[in-house]
Amino acid sequence: MTYLGRGLQFLGYGYLLRVPMLTWVMLIALCLGSLPGSVAEPILRGIFDIASKQSNAFVTCIEFATVTLATLLAGTSMGVSARLVVCNAHARFRAEPTELTPGLELVFRFVPFVSFTALVGTALLRSDIAKLPMSGVNSAPRPTSLPAFALSKQLARASLDTSPHPRDT
């Protein structure tokens, strides 16, 4: 295959992957836009502010669990749709077939993981967790963020696991 053919194939797959890539860019842009001092901060201020002074620990934990689940679902939809496009593009659009290497499989998991980490991390940083009325020392980890962090850690470990599925062996 010539360099022109490879370039056109790359552009073709880029076109087919436009929806997952734009979804990923928009999620990262929401995180970066909500940071203090950014251009979009006046519009996006408070979008990741989950915990408030009026919330109790249980409600805040449920809210963080909901945000974690929603970001995992968004990341999963990006990863699955990108993998389906790459696996089935040759049959549907007469594109050149692509070999699924372990590196490509890692990309299908790592890119959604970055957006998941950015969204949950921004929610943890931008929330008023330190101002919640709880007993204990201020420097101790807050019980509201620990369940969300533990769930995030377990699901991230599962999403980045590249071992073959039992049905594939």
Foldseek 3Di string as FASTA:
>chain_A
DDPVLVVVLVVVLCVQLVVLVVLLVVLVCLLVLCDPPHPNVVVSDPVLAQDDQPDALVSLLVSLVVQLVVLVVSLVVSLVSSVCCLQCVCPPVVGDHDDDDLVNLQVSLVSSLVSSCSSSVSSVVNYPQLNHDDDDDSVDDGPSVVVSVVVSVVVSVVSNDSDDDPVVD
